[in-house]
Amino acid sequence: MDNEKSKQFLIKLAKTKMPYGKYKDRFLIDLPEHYVVWYKTKGFPKGPIGEMLATVYELKVNGLEYLVRNIQKQL
């Protein structure tokens, strides 16, 4: 993924809310870590939401949530 696509993906991630389930309407970056880990073990859904959840997992595991939160502040 080139830099511009990565940037656009992170902006979209910062704006996206969970579309279903217990945490519906919560920003993906604000999902509890245990929930994202559960998805990791269960398998992320197919499509854009799954890609974003997988990215949220990596961000949370590596302590990088602040990157998305900083983007949210700028929006």
C-alpha atoms as a PDB file:
ATOM      1  CA  MET A   1       0.000   0.000   0.000  1.00  0.00           C
ATOM      2  CA  ASP A   2       1.498   3.341  -0.968  1.00  0.00           C
ATOM      3  CA  ASN A   3       1.593   6.314   1.398  1.00  0.00           C
ATOM      4  CA  GLU A   4      -1.497   8.042   0.001  1.00  0.00           C
ATOM      5  CA  LYS A   5      -3.583   4.852   0.188  1.00  0.00           C
ATOM      6  CA  SER A   6      -2.346   4.227   3.739  1.00  0.00           C
ATOM      7  CA  LYS A   7      -3.255   7.770   4.721  1.00  0.00           C
ATOM      8  CA  GLN A   8      -6.750   7.476   3.211  1.00  0.00           C
ATOM      9  CA  PHE A   9      -7.249   4.089   4.889  1.00  0.00           C
ATOM     10  CA  LEU A  10      -6.352   5.519   8.310  1.00  0.00           C
ATOM     11  CA  ILE A  11      -8.673   8.495   7.768  1.00  0.00           C
ATOM     12  CA  LYS A  12     -11.499   6.128   6.861  1.00  0.00           C
ATOM     13  CA  LEU A  13     -10.662   3.964   9.895  1.00  0.00           C
ATOM     14  CA  ALA A  14     -10.809   7.034  12.140  1.00  0.00           C
ATOM     15  CA  LYS A  15     -14.332   7.805  10.874  1.00  0.00           C
ATOM     16  CA  THR A  16     -15.736   4.265  10.882  1.00  0.00           C
ATOM     17  CA  LYS A  17     -18.067   2.982  13.577  1.00  0.00           C
ATOM     18  CA  MET A  18     -18.929  -0.623  14.314  1.00  0.00           C
ATOM     19  CA  PRO A  19     -21.955  -1.406  12.111  1.00  0.00           C
ATOM     20  CA  TYR A  20     -23.442  -4.223  14.237  1.00  0.00           C
ATOM     21  CA  GLY A  21     -23.335  -6.144  17.487  1.00  0.00           C
ATOM     22  CA  LYS A  22     -22.868  -5.221  21.107  1.00  0.00           C
ATOM     23  CA  TYR A  23     -20.634  -2.261  20.250  1.00  0.00           C
ATOM     24  CA  LYS A  24     -22.682  -0.923  17.337  1.00  0.00           C
ATOM     25  CA  ASP A  25     -22.051   2.790  16.643  1.00  0.00           C
ATOM     26  CA  ARG A  26     -18.776   2.856  18.615  1.00  0.00           C
ATOM     27  CA  PHE A  27     -15.699   4.007  16.694  1.00  0.00           C
ATOM     28  CA  LEU A  28     -13.604   0.985  15.753  1.00  0.00           C
ATOM     29  CA  ILE A  29     -10.558   2.397  17.539  1.00  0.00           C
ATOM     30  CA  ASP A  30     -12.666   2.665  20.725  1.00  0.00           C
ATOM     31  CA  LEU A  31     -13.645  -1.005  20.767  1.00  0.00           C
ATOM     32  CA  PRO A  32     -12.423  -2.815  23.889  1.00  0.00           C
ATOM     33  CA  GLU A  33      -9.176  -4.667  23.342  1.00  0.00           C
ATOM     34  CA  HIS A  34     -10.665  -7.988  24.521  1.00  0.00           C
ATOM     35  CA  TYR A  35     -13.325  -7.704  21.788  1.00  0.00           C
ATOM     36  CA  VAL A  36     -10.773  -7.082  19.050  1.00  0.00           C
ATOM     37  CA  VAL A  37      -8.651  -9.973  20.348  1.00  0.00           C
ATOM     38  CA  TRP A  38     -11.753 -12.186  20.275  1.00  0.00           C
ATOM     39  CA  TYR A  39     -12.222 -11.295  16.596  1.00  0.00           C
ATOM     40  CA  LYS A  40      -8.561 -12.113  15.972  1.00  0.00           C
ATOM     41  CA  THR A  41      -9.045 -15.626  17.367  1.00  0.00           C
ATOM     42  CA  LYS A  42     -12.470 -16.115  15.735  1.00  0.00           C
ATOM     43  CA  GLY A  43     -11.435 -14.642  12.390  1.00  0.00           C
ATOM     44  CA  PHE A  44     -12.064 -11.141  11.132  1.00  0.00           C
ATOM     45  CA  PRO A  45     -15.063 -10.659   8.838  1.00  0.00           C
ATOM     46  CA  LYS A  46     -14.460 -10.473   5.108  1.00  0.00           C
ATOM     47  CA  GLY A  47     -14.331  -7.074   3.444  1.00  0.00           C
ATOM     48  CA  PRO A  48     -13.438  -3.554   4.562  1.00  0.00           C
ATOM     49  CA  ILE A  49     -14.698  -3.920   8.151  1.00  0.00           C
ATOM     50  CA  GLY A  50     -12.531  -7.000   8.623  1.00  0.00           C
ATOM     51  CA  GLU A  51      -9.487  -5.187   7.225  1.00  0.00           C
ATOM     52  CA  MET A  52     -10.123  -2.270   9.554  1.00  0.00           C
ATOM     53  CA  LEU A  53     -10.646  -4.539  12.583  1.00  0.00           C
ATOM     54  CA  ALA A  54      -7.382  -6.332  11.781  1.00  0.00           C
ATOM     55  CA  THR A  55      -5.643  -2.954  11.637  1.00  0.00           C
ATOM     56  CA  VAL A  56      -7.229  -1.912  14.949  1.00  0.00           C
ATOM     57  CA  TYR A  57      -5.915  -5.152  16.454  1.00  0.00           C
ATOM     58  CA  GLU A  58      -2.365  -4.377  15.282  1.00  0.00           C
ATOM     59  CA  LEU A  59      -2.611  -0.779  16.483  1.00  0.00           C
ATOM     60  CA  LYS A  60      -3.845  -1.836  19.929  1.00  0.00           C
ATOM     61  CA  VAL A  61      -1.278  -4.625  20.339  1.00  0.00           C
ATOM     62  CA  ASN A  62       1.507  -2.196  19.477  1.00  0.00           C
ATOM     63  CA  GLY A  63       0.170   0.729  21.529  1.00  0.00           C
ATOM     64  CA  LEU A  64      -0.441   2.904  18.474  1.00  0.00           C
ATOM     65  CA  GLU A  65      -4.101   3.870  18.960  1.00  0.00           C
ATOM     66  CA  TYR A  66      -2.976   7.457  19.399  1.00  0.00           C
ATOM     67  CA  LEU A  67      -2.281   7.635  15.661  1.00  0.00           C
ATOM     68  CA  VAL A  68      -5.978   7.205  14.855  1.00  0.00           C
ATOM     69  CA  ARG A  69      -7.063   9.389  17.785  1.00  0.00           C
ATOM     70  CA  ASN A  70      -4.852  12.193  16.454  1.00  0.00           C
ATOM     71  CA  ILE A  71      -6.522  11.870  13.052  1.00  0.00           C
ATOM     72  CA  GLN A  72      -9.945  12.007  14.734  1.00  0.00           C
ATOM     73  CA  LYS A  73      -9.005  15.278  16.456  1.00  0.00           C
ATOM     74  CA  GLN A  74      -8.148  16.813  13.077  1.00  0.00           C
ATOM     75  CA  LEU A  75     -11.436  15.819  11.446  1.00  0.00           C
END
